[in-house]
């Protein structure tokens, strides 16, 4: 199951992690976010133990969203070593996200 990243745990869970983190910025009211949700869940199962895959609800965690300049959702950031190494804006097929994850492992 995808992790839940929050304003409170983002620093420890993502920025201080030595693993690649994939963060889905989303909101309940966002149709494309709901469409990509099952893809995020599948990827979190497939990469369990290798990649931290989680979600940030932008309505509940405004600070993290602001810190990364999130203005459109879904926005998926790929973070490694505390730095954003890639990003994807909008709902895309699973294969696109999988390819990006593989490129950064």
C-alpha atoms as a PDB file:
ATOM      1  CA  UNK A   1       0.000   0.000   0.000  1.00  0.00           C
ATOM      2  CA  UNK A   2       1.226   3.500  -0.828  1.00  0.00           C
ATOM      3  CA  UNK A   3       2.624   5.451   2.105  1.00  0.00           C
ATOM      4  CA  UNK A   4       1.067   8.670   3.322  1.00  0.00           C
ATOM      5  CA  UNK A   5       3.510  11.552   3.322  1.00  0.00           C
ATOM      6  CA  UNK A   6       2.563  14.645   5.319  1.00  0.00           C
ATOM      7  CA  UNK A   7       3.991  18.051   6.158  1.00  0.00           C
ATOM      8  CA  UNK A   8       5.104  16.473   9.453  1.00  0.00           C
ATOM      9  CA  UNK A   9       6.905  13.382   8.093  1.00  0.00           C
ATOM     10  CA  UNK A  10       8.101  14.505   4.628  1.00  0.00           C
ATOM     11  CA  UNK A  11      11.592  15.519   5.783  1.00  0.00           C
ATOM     12  CA  UNK A  12      12.312  12.205   7.528  1.00  0.00           C
ATOM     13  CA  UNK A  13      10.471   9.870   5.147  1.00  0.00           C
ATOM     14  CA  UNK A  14      11.506  11.399   1.817  1.00  0.00           C
ATOM     15  CA  UNK A  15      14.320  13.940   2.043  1.00  0.00           C
ATOM     16  CA  UNK A  16      16.455  11.962   4.511  1.00  0.00           C
ATOM     17  CA  UNK A  17      15.802   8.582   2.855  1.00  0.00           C
ATOM     18  CA  UNK A  18      18.544   6.877   0.871  1.00  0.00           C
ATOM     19  CA  UNK A  19      15.909   5.222  -1.332  1.00  0.00           C
ATOM     20  CA  UNK A  20      14.245   6.696  -4.391  1.00  0.00           C
ATOM     21  CA  UNK A  21      10.894   8.200  -3.360  1.00  0.00           C
ATOM     22  CA  UNK A  22       7.946   8.631  -5.704  1.00  0.00           C
ATOM     23  CA  UNK A  23       5.423  11.144  -4.389  1.00  0.00           C
ATOM     24  CA  UNK A  24       1.940  11.572  -5.829  1.00  0.00           C
ATOM     25  CA  UNK A  25       0.503  15.006  -4.989  1.00  0.00           C
ATOM     26  CA  UNK A  26      -3.287  14.633  -5.165  1.00  0.00           C
ATOM     27  CA  UNK A  27      -6.685  15.722  -3.800  1.00  0.00           C
ATOM     28  CA  UNK A  28     -10.035  13.990  -3.224  1.00  0.00           C
ATOM     29  CA  UNK A  29     -11.882  16.278  -5.657  1.00  0.00           C
ATOM     30  CA  UNK A  30      -9.414  15.717  -8.536  1.00  0.00           C
ATOM     31  CA  UNK A  31     -10.731  13.268 -11.158  1.00  0.00           C
ATOM     32  CA  UNK A  32      -7.346  12.550 -12.821  1.00  0.00           C
ATOM     33  CA  UNK A  33      -5.878  12.006  -9.330  1.00  0.00           C
ATOM     34  CA  UNK A  34      -8.469   9.335  -8.618  1.00  0.00           C
ATOM     35  CA  UNK A  35      -7.734   7.764 -12.005  1.00  0.00           C
ATOM     36  CA  UNK A  36      -4.018   7.420 -11.309  1.00  0.00           C
ATOM     37  CA  UNK A  37      -4.496   6.287  -7.680  1.00  0.00           C
ATOM     38  CA  UNK A  38      -4.720   2.545  -8.528  1.00  0.00           C
ATOM     39  CA  UNK A  39      -1.546   2.829 -10.638  1.00  0.00           C
ATOM     40  CA  UNK A  40       0.313   4.333  -7.662  1.00  0.00           C
ATOM     41  CA  UNK A  41      -0.949   1.474  -5.475  1.00  0.00           C
ATOM     42  CA  UNK A  42       0.223  -1.154  -8.008  1.00  0.00           C
ATOM     43  CA  UNK A  43       3.667   0.421  -8.261  1.00  0.00           C
ATOM     44  CA  UNK A  44       3.965   0.587  -4.461  1.00  0.00           C
ATOM     45  CA  UNK A  45       3.367  -3.182  -4.277  1.00  0.00           C
ATOM     46  CA  UNK A  46       5.756  -3.974  -7.140  1.00  0.00           C
ATOM     47  CA  UNK A  47       8.592  -1.832  -5.760  1.00  0.00           C
ATOM     48  CA  UNK A  48       7.978  -2.553  -2.055  1.00  0.00           C
ATOM     49  CA  UNK A  49      11.300  -2.464  -0.195  1.00  0.00           C
ATOM     50  CA  UNK A  50      13.127  -0.899  -3.171  1.00  0.00           C
ATOM     51  CA  UNK A  51      11.324   2.418  -3.693  1.00  0.00           C
ATOM     52  CA  UNK A  52       9.261   4.514  -1.269  1.00  0.00           C
ATOM     53  CA  UNK A  53       6.000   5.272  -3.051  1.00  0.00           C
ATOM     54  CA  UNK A  54       3.475   7.491  -1.379  1.00  0.00           C
ATOM     55  CA  UNK A  55       0.938  10.258  -1.625  1.00  0.00           C
ATOM     56  CA  UNK A  56       0.595  13.811  -0.361  1.00  0.00           C
ATOM     57  CA  UNK A  57      -2.942  15.176  -0.085  1.00  0.00           C
ATOM     58  CA  UNK A  58      -2.465  18.817  -1.129  1.00  0.00           C
ATOM     59  CA  UNK A  59      -5.549  19.974   0.779  1.00  0.00           C
ATOM     60  CA  UNK A  60      -4.291  18.529   4.069  1.00  0.00           C
ATOM     61  CA  UNK A  61      -0.554  19.221   3.575  1.00  0.00           C
ATOM     62  CA  UNK A  62      -0.261  22.697   2.033  1.00  0.00           C
ATOM     63  CA  UNK A  63       3.308  23.355   3.218  1.00  0.00           C
ATOM     64  CA  UNK A  64       4.910  20.460   1.320  1.00  0.00           C
ATOM     65  CA  UNK A  65       2.874  21.307  -1.774  1.00  0.00           C
ATOM     66  CA  UNK A  66       3.987  24.953  -1.595  1.00  0.00           C
ATOM     67  CA  UNK A  67       7.634  23.986  -0.997  1.00  0.00           C
ATOM     68  CA  UNK A  68       7.661  22.106  -4.302  1.00  0.00           C
ATOM     69  CA  UNK A  69       5.608  24.621  -6.280  1.00  0.00           C
ATOM     70  CA  UNK A  70       2.771  22.197  -6.926  1.00  0.00           C
ATOM     71  CA  UNK A  71       0.149  24.113  -8.926  1.00  0.00           C
ATOM     72  CA  UNK A  72      -1.338  21.275 -11.013  1.00  0.00           C
ATOM     73  CA  UNK A  73      -2.356  17.840  -9.802  1.00  0.00           C
ATOM     74  CA  UNK A  74      -1.765  15.020 -10.073  1.00  0.00           C
ATOM     75  CA  UNK A  75       1.908  15.884  -9.868  1.00  0.00           C
ATOM     76  CA  UNK A  76       4.353  13.066  -9.286  1.00  0.00           C
ATOM     77  CA  UNK A  77       7.832  13.895  -8.034  1.00  0.00           C
ATOM     78  CA  UNK A  78      10.784  11.520  -8.039  1.00  0.00           C
ATOM     79  CA  UNK A  79      13.151  12.370  -5.180  1.00  0.00           C
ATOM     80  CA  UNK A  80      16.567  10.833  -4.542  1.00  0.00           C
ATOM     81  CA  UNK A  81      19.200  12.065  -2.120  1.00  0.00           C
ATOM     82  CA  UNK A  82      16.913  14.882  -1.009  1.00  0.00           C
ATOM     83  CA  UNK A  83      16.641  16.318  -4.542  1.00  0.00           C
ATOM     84  CA  UNK A  84      13.904  16.166  -7.178  1.00  0.00           C
ATOM     85  CA  UNK A  85      15.405  14.092 -10.006  1.00  0.00           C
ATOM     86  CA  UNK A  86      12.299  13.886 -12.222  1.00  0.00           C
ATOM     87  CA  UNK A  87       8.631  14.817 -12.289  1.00  0.00           C
ATOM     88  CA  UNK A  88       5.427  14.003 -14.127  1.00  0.00           C
ATOM     89  CA  UNK A  89       2.427  16.309 -14.283  1.00  0.00           C
ATOM     90  CA  UNK A  90      -0.962  14.794 -15.088  1.00  0.00           C
ATOM     91  CA  UNK A  91      -2.301  11.259 -15.231  1.00  0.00           C
ATOM     92  CA  UNK A  92      -0.198   8.965 -17.411  1.00  0.00           C
ATOM     93  CA  UNK A  93      -0.086   5.225 -18.116  1.00  0.00           C
ATOM     94  CA  UNK A  94       1.704   2.994 -15.620  1.00  0.00           C
ATOM     95  CA  UNK A  95       4.437   2.266 -18.177  1.00  0.00           C
ATOM     96  CA  UNK A  96       5.524   5.938 -18.168  1.00  0.00           C
ATOM     97  CA  UNK A  97       5.968   5.980 -14.388  1.00  0.00           C
ATOM     98  CA  UNK A  98       7.641   2.566 -14.404  1.00  0.00           C
ATOM     99  CA  UNK A  99      10.181   3.766 -16.971  1.00  0.00           C
ATOM    100  CA  UNK A 100      10.982   6.841 -14.855  1.00  0.00           C
ATOM    101  CA  UNK A 101      11.422   4.711 -11.719  1.00  0.00           C
ATOM    102  CA  UNK A 102      13.761   2.310 -13.561  1.00  0.00           C
ATOM    103  CA  UNK A 103      15.842   5.243 -14.834  1.00  0.00           C
ATOM    104  CA  UNK A 104      16.579   6.364 -11.270  1.00  0.00           C
ATOM    105  CA  UNK A 105      17.173   3.047  -9.495  1.00  0.00           C
END
